[in-house]
Amino acid sequence: MGTSRTFEELVAEADAVSVAGWDFSWLAGRATEERPSWGYQRAMSERLARASAALDVQTGGGEVLAEAAQLPPAMVATESWPPNVAKATALLHPLGAVVVADEDEPPLPFADGAFDLVTSRHPVTVWWEEIARVLRPGGTYFSQQVGPASVFELVEYFLGPQPENVRRARHPEDARRDAEAAGLEVVDLRAESLRTEFLDIGAVVYFLRKVIWMVPGFTVDGYRERLRELDGLIRREGAFVAHTTRFLIEARKPARSA
């Protein structure tokens, strides 16, 4: 924890550090987050080991995919943000995976039925009809996603109370509805709320700089006084507590009838 350091020191450090990629290791010792009980990394790895051709959508810097014990013979990942495309390519190419720069807008740059497995961890958007199109009959989509009102204690600290339609966005039942509308069969859907603690104000700054949609347009200068108040709260109480929401969805494309 950084409570022996001044507010200005913590904020300046967190405002200067790189937030490229999707690696949160900088937060070690400065923030904690419970992990979902289903173990997405392990479960994804098990499915990749059984696949012959797989696609990881919105792979970020490729960090999650790179941890898989075994990749299928044909492994492709897509990513839209150029710094992440470069990072994912450097990380995944030696493992035999091809990284495709894609704008995350339909259509996916692949043929119908190209993959027997599509995975995605924390996608920003899910184009369900495209997922269904690139899956072969009998293929599976497997994804861990951010649920509704995730870390909203922090969001609302800076932005104030959010309307119900904003708080309910990304609800797992909406994902079920959209998957089924695209012709997929949802075979597993689970959701959990997970305790998250920010142990110093630097962790808050880093998080909001990295996860840019939480407080759109966030800058240290724009929120300096609010950050200073939050720093005082953390020093008094030891942490700022929020709750991350996650859900797991697995959907299958029906096999063609004989």
Protein backbone atom coordinates (compact mmCIF):
# COMPACT_ATOMS: atom_id res chain seq x y z
CA MET A 1 0.00 0.00 0.00
CA GLY A 2 1.09 3.58 -0.65
CA THR A 3 -0.44 5.38 2.33
CA SER A 4 3.02 6.41 3.64
CA ARG A 5 3.45 8.46 0.45
CA THR A 6 1.76 11.76 -0.28
CA PHE A 7 -1.30 12.19 -2.44
CA GLU A 8 0.72 14.08 -5.03
CA GLU A 9 3.40 11.36 -5.21
CA LEU A 10 0.89 8.56 -5.67
CA VAL A 11 -1.14 10.41 -8.27
CA ALA A 12 1.90 11.57 -10.27
CA GLU A 13 3.29 8.02 -10.41
CA ALA A 14 -0.01 6.48 -11.52
CA ASP A 15 -0.59 9.22 -14.08
CA ALA A 16 2.81 8.62 -15.72
CA VAL A 17 2.93 4.83 -15.94
CA SER A 18 2.03 3.12 -19.22
CA VAL A 19 -1.47 1.63 -19.42
CA ALA A 20 -0.90 -0.21 -22.72
CA GLY A 21 -2.09 -3.80 -22.98
CA TRP A 22 -4.41 -5.65 -20.65
CA ASP A 23 -1.97 -6.59 -17.92
CA PHE A 24 -2.95 -5.31 -14.47
CA SER A 25 0.18 -6.48 -12.65
CA TRP A 26 1.04 -2.86 -11.76
CA LEU A 27 -1.83 -3.04 -9.27
CA ALA A 28 -0.24 -5.87 -7.27
CA GLY A 29 -0.29 -4.85 -3.62
CA ARG A 30 -2.37 -1.78 -4.47
CA ALA A 31 -5.72 -3.32 -5.36
CA THR A 32 -7.40 -6.68 -4.96
CA GLU A 33 -10.26 -8.36 -6.80
CA GLU A 34 -11.94 -11.65 -6.04
CA ARG A 35 -11.91 -14.09 -8.94
CA PRO A 36 -15.01 -15.84 -10.30
CA SER A 37 -15.46 -19.38 -9.02
CA TRP A 38 -15.62 -20.91 -12.50
CA GLY A 39 -11.95 -20.23 -13.39
CA TYR A 40 -12.20 -18.86 -16.93
CA GLN A 41 -8.52 -19.34 -17.78
CA ARG A 42 -8.54 -23.03 -16.89
CA ALA A 43 -11.89 -23.70 -18.57
CA MET A 44 -10.84 -21.85 -21.73
CA SER A 45 -7.58 -23.80 -21.85
CA GLU A 46 -9.44 -27.09 -21.61
CA ARG A 47 -11.64 -26.16 -24.57
CA LEU A 48 -8.74 -24.89 -26.67
CA ALA A 49 -6.90 -28.17 -26.14
CA ARG A 50 -9.84 -30.04 -27.71
CA ALA A 51 -10.39 -27.63 -30.62
CA SER A 52 -9.06 -27.92 -34.16
CA ALA A 53 -9.61 -24.28 -35.17
CA ALA A 54 -10.31 -21.47 -32.70
CA LEU A 55 -10.79 -17.72 -32.67
CA ASP A 56 -10.16 -15.40 -29.70
CA VAL A 57 -12.11 -12.18 -30.24
CA GLN A 58 -10.84 -8.87 -28.79
CA THR A 59 -7.73 -10.56 -27.44
CA GLY A 60 -6.24 -7.36 -25.98
CA GLY A 61 -2.50 -7.81 -25.68
CA GLY A 62 -2.92 -11.59 -25.95
CA GLU A 63 -2.06 -12.13 -22.29
CA VAL A 64 -4.99 -14.42 -21.48
CA LEU A 65 -4.70 -16.54 -24.60
CA ALA A 66 -0.95 -16.91 -24.15
CA GLU A 67 -1.51 -18.66 -20.81
CA ALA A 68 -3.34 -21.56 -22.46
CA ALA A 69 -1.49 -24.83 -22.01
CA GLN A 70 -2.12 -25.92 -25.61
CA LEU A 71 -3.39 -24.02 -28.63
CA PRO A 72 -5.25 -25.76 -31.47
CA PRO A 73 -3.56 -26.37 -34.86
CA ALA A 74 -5.33 -23.30 -36.27
CA MET A 75 -5.45 -20.40 -33.79
CA VAL A 76 -6.46 -16.84 -34.69
CA ALA A 77 -6.98 -13.77 -32.49
CA THR A 78 -8.50 -10.39 -33.38
CA GLU A 79 -7.79 -7.00 -31.83
CA SER A 80 -8.65 -3.43 -32.81
CA TRP A 81 -6.31 -1.17 -30.82
CA PRO A 82 -2.96 -0.82 -32.66
CA PRO A 83 -0.69 -0.93 -29.56
CA ASN A 84 -2.44 -4.12 -28.46
CA VAL A 85 -2.22 -5.59 -31.98
CA ALA A 86 1.55 -5.17 -31.86
CA LYS A 87 1.81 -6.54 -28.33
CA ALA A 88 -0.42 -9.54 -29.06
CA THR A 89 1.49 -10.33 -32.25
CA ALA A 90 4.81 -10.35 -30.40
CA LEU A 91 3.38 -12.55 -27.65
CA LEU A 92 1.23 -14.96 -29.64
CA HIS A 93 3.08 -15.43 -32.93
CA PRO A 94 5.85 -17.54 -31.33
CA LEU A 95 3.08 -19.77 -29.96
CA GLY A 96 1.67 -20.37 -33.44
CA ALA A 97 -1.28 -17.97 -33.26
CA VAL A 98 -2.05 -15.40 -35.96
CA VAL A 99 -3.23 -11.95 -34.84
CA VAL A 100 -5.59 -10.10 -37.18
CA ALA A 101 -6.14 -6.34 -36.86
CA ASP A 102 -9.92 -5.95 -36.92
CA GLU A 103 -12.14 -2.96 -36.14
CA ASP A 104 -14.54 -4.98 -33.96
CA GLU A 105 -17.36 -4.17 -36.35
CA PRO A 106 -19.27 -6.70 -38.47
CA PRO A 107 -18.37 -8.63 -40.42
CA LEU A 108 -15.62 -10.69 -38.83
CA PRO A 109 -12.96 -11.28 -41.54
CA PHE A 110 -13.50 -15.03 -41.68
CA ALA A 111 -15.54 -17.48 -43.72
CA ASP A 112 -18.76 -19.09 -42.56
CA GLY A 113 -18.15 -22.06 -40.30
CA ALA A 114 -14.41 -21.36 -39.98
CA PHE A 115 -14.07 -22.26 -36.28
CA ASP A 116 -15.24 -24.92 -33.90
CA LEU A 117 -14.49 -22.66 -30.90
CA VAL A 118 -14.76 -18.90 -30.39
CA THR A 119 -13.58 -17.42 -27.09
CA SER A 120 -13.53 -13.90 -25.67
CA ARG A 121 -12.66 -12.52 -22.26
CA HIS A 122 -14.34 -9.22 -21.39
CA PRO A 123 -15.40 -8.20 -24.90
CA VAL A 124 -16.55 -4.61 -25.24
CA THR A 125 -19.23 -5.64 -27.72
CA VAL A 126 -20.50 -9.02 -28.91
CA TRP A 127 -21.78 -9.33 -32.47
CA TRP A 128 -23.83 -12.45 -31.91
CA GLU A 129 -24.87 -13.01 -35.53
CA GLU A 130 -21.21 -12.89 -36.57
CA ILE A 131 -20.23 -15.32 -33.81
CA ALA A 132 -22.93 -17.70 -35.01
CA ARG A 133 -21.85 -17.28 -38.64
CA VAL A 134 -18.16 -18.14 -38.13
CA LEU A 135 -18.92 -21.12 -35.88
CA ARG A 136 -19.24 -24.48 -37.55
CA PRO A 137 -22.38 -26.50 -36.73
CA GLY A 138 -21.83 -27.97 -33.28
CA GLY A 139 -19.24 -25.30 -32.45
CA THR A 140 -19.10 -23.35 -29.19
CA TYR A 141 -18.77 -19.76 -28.04
CA PHE A 142 -17.18 -19.49 -24.58
CA SER A 143 -16.81 -16.12 -22.89
CA GLN A 144 -16.38 -14.33 -19.58
CA GLN A 145 -17.95 -10.90 -19.67
CA VAL A 146 -18.35 -7.81 -17.53
CA GLY A 147 -21.78 -7.72 -15.95
CA PRO A 148 -24.12 -4.86 -15.03
CA ALA A 149 -23.05 -1.98 -12.74
CA SER A 150 -19.52 -3.37 -12.40
CA VAL A 151 -17.36 -1.28 -10.02
CA PHE A 152 -20.18 1.26 -9.99
CA GLU A 153 -19.34 2.35 -6.46
CA LEU A 154 -16.27 3.95 -8.05
CA VAL A 155 -18.08 5.14 -11.18
CA GLU A 156 -20.79 6.84 -9.14
CA TYR A 157 -18.26 8.36 -6.75
CA PHE A 158 -17.04 10.44 -9.69
CA LEU A 159 -20.13 10.71 -11.89
CA GLY A 160 -22.97 10.59 -9.38
CA PRO A 161 -25.98 8.21 -9.45
CA GLN A 162 -26.48 6.59 -12.82
CA PRO A 163 -29.90 5.93 -14.41
CA GLU A 164 -31.34 2.45 -14.20
CA ASN A 165 -30.84 1.71 -17.90
CA VAL A 166 -27.10 2.41 -17.47
CA ARG A 167 -26.87 0.34 -14.31
CA ARG A 168 -28.64 -2.59 -15.99
CA ALA A 169 -26.56 -2.58 -19.19
CA ARG A 170 -24.64 -5.79 -19.94
CA HIS A 171 -27.13 -7.94 -18.03
CA PRO A 172 -26.49 -11.68 -18.54
CA GLU A 173 -30.12 -12.33 -19.45
CA ASP A 174 -29.77 -9.85 -22.30
CA ALA A 175 -26.78 -11.87 -23.52
CA ARG A 176 -28.91 -15.03 -23.38
CA ARG A 177 -31.66 -13.35 -25.38
CA ASP A 178 -29.25 -12.05 -28.03
CA ALA A 179 -27.42 -15.36 -28.35
CA GLU A 180 -30.68 -17.23 -28.83
CA ALA A 181 -31.89 -14.65 -31.35
CA ALA A 182 -28.74 -15.41 -33.37
CA GLY A 183 -29.62 -19.11 -33.40
CA LEU A 184 -27.32 -20.28 -30.63
CA GLU A 185 -28.29 -22.51 -27.71
CA VAL A 186 -27.10 -21.22 -24.32
CA VAL A 187 -25.80 -24.21 -22.39
CA ASP A 188 -24.29 -22.37 -19.41
CA LEU A 189 -24.89 -18.93 -17.89
CA ARG A 190 -23.53 -17.94 -14.46
CA ALA A 191 -23.03 -14.58 -12.75
CA GLU A 192 -21.16 -13.43 -9.64
CA SER A 193 -20.50 -10.21 -7.71
CA LEU A 194 -16.88 -9.99 -6.53
CA ARG A 195 -15.35 -7.79 -3.83
CA THR A 196 -12.80 -5.31 -5.17
CA GLU A 197 -10.58 -3.10 -3.00
CA PHE A 198 -8.48 -0.09 -4.00
CA LEU A 199 -5.76 0.30 -1.38
CA ASP A 200 -4.30 3.63 -2.47
CA ILE A 201 -5.31 6.52 -4.71
CA GLY A 202 -2.68 5.58 -7.28
CA ALA A 203 -4.55 2.34 -7.91
CA VAL A 204 -7.72 4.33 -8.63
CA VAL A 205 -5.94 6.63 -11.08
CA TYR A 206 -4.29 3.74 -12.89
CA PHE A 207 -7.55 1.80 -13.12
CA LEU A 208 -9.53 4.73 -14.51
CA ARG A 209 -6.79 5.57 -17.03
CA LYS A 210 -6.72 1.97 -18.22
CA VAL A 211 -10.43 1.12 -18.19
CA ILE A 212 -11.39 4.27 -20.05
CA TRP A 213 -15.13 3.62 -20.30
CA MET A 214 -15.63 3.65 -16.53
CA VAL A 215 -15.34 7.43 -16.19
CA PRO A 216 -15.24 8.70 -19.79
CA GLY A 217 -12.75 11.49 -20.31
CA PHE A 218 -11.08 10.87 -16.94
CA THR A 219 -7.95 12.92 -16.26
CA VAL A 220 -6.15 13.61 -13.02
CA ASP A 221 -6.42 17.35 -13.53
CA GLY A 222 -10.14 17.14 -14.26
CA TYR A 223 -10.89 15.21 -11.07
CA ARG A 224 -8.04 16.29 -8.78
CA GLU A 225 -10.19 17.53 -5.91
CA ARG A 226 -12.46 14.51 -5.99
CA LEU A 227 -9.37 12.30 -6.05
CA ARG A 228 -7.99 14.16 -3.05
CA GLU A 229 -11.20 13.49 -1.11
CA LEU A 230 -11.06 9.81 -2.06
CA ASP A 231 -7.43 9.65 -0.95
CA GLY A 232 -8.53 10.85 2.48
CA LEU A 233 -11.25 8.20 2.62
CA ILE A 234 -8.81 5.42 1.73
CA ARG A 235 -6.33 6.61 4.36
CA ARG A 236 -9.07 6.65 7.01
CA GLU A 237 -10.73 3.34 6.12
CA GLY A 238 -7.84 1.39 4.62
CA ALA A 239 -9.49 0.79 1.24
CA PHE A 240 -12.21 1.88 -1.13
CA VAL A 241 -14.50 -1.11 -1.61
CA ALA A 242 -16.42 -1.77 -4.82
CA HIS A 243 -17.94 -4.83 -6.46
CA THR A 244 -16.99 -6.22 -9.83
CA THR A 245 -19.66 -8.18 -11.70
CA ARG A 246 -18.81 -10.98 -14.09
CA PHE A 247 -20.79 -13.58 -15.99
CA LEU A 248 -19.84 -16.69 -17.89
CA ILE A 249 -21.72 -17.66 -21.01
CA GLU A 250 -21.33 -20.76 -23.16
CA ALA A 251 -23.45 -21.08 -26.28
CA ARG A 252 -23.51 -23.79 -28.91
CA LYS A 253 -24.42 -23.65 -32.57
CA PRO A 254 -26.82 -26.49 -33.31
CA ALA A 255 -25.44 -29.33 -35.39
CA ARG A 256 -27.02 -29.75 -38.78
CA SER A 257 -29.81 -32.29 -38.78
CA ALA A 258 -29.16 -35.44 -40.78
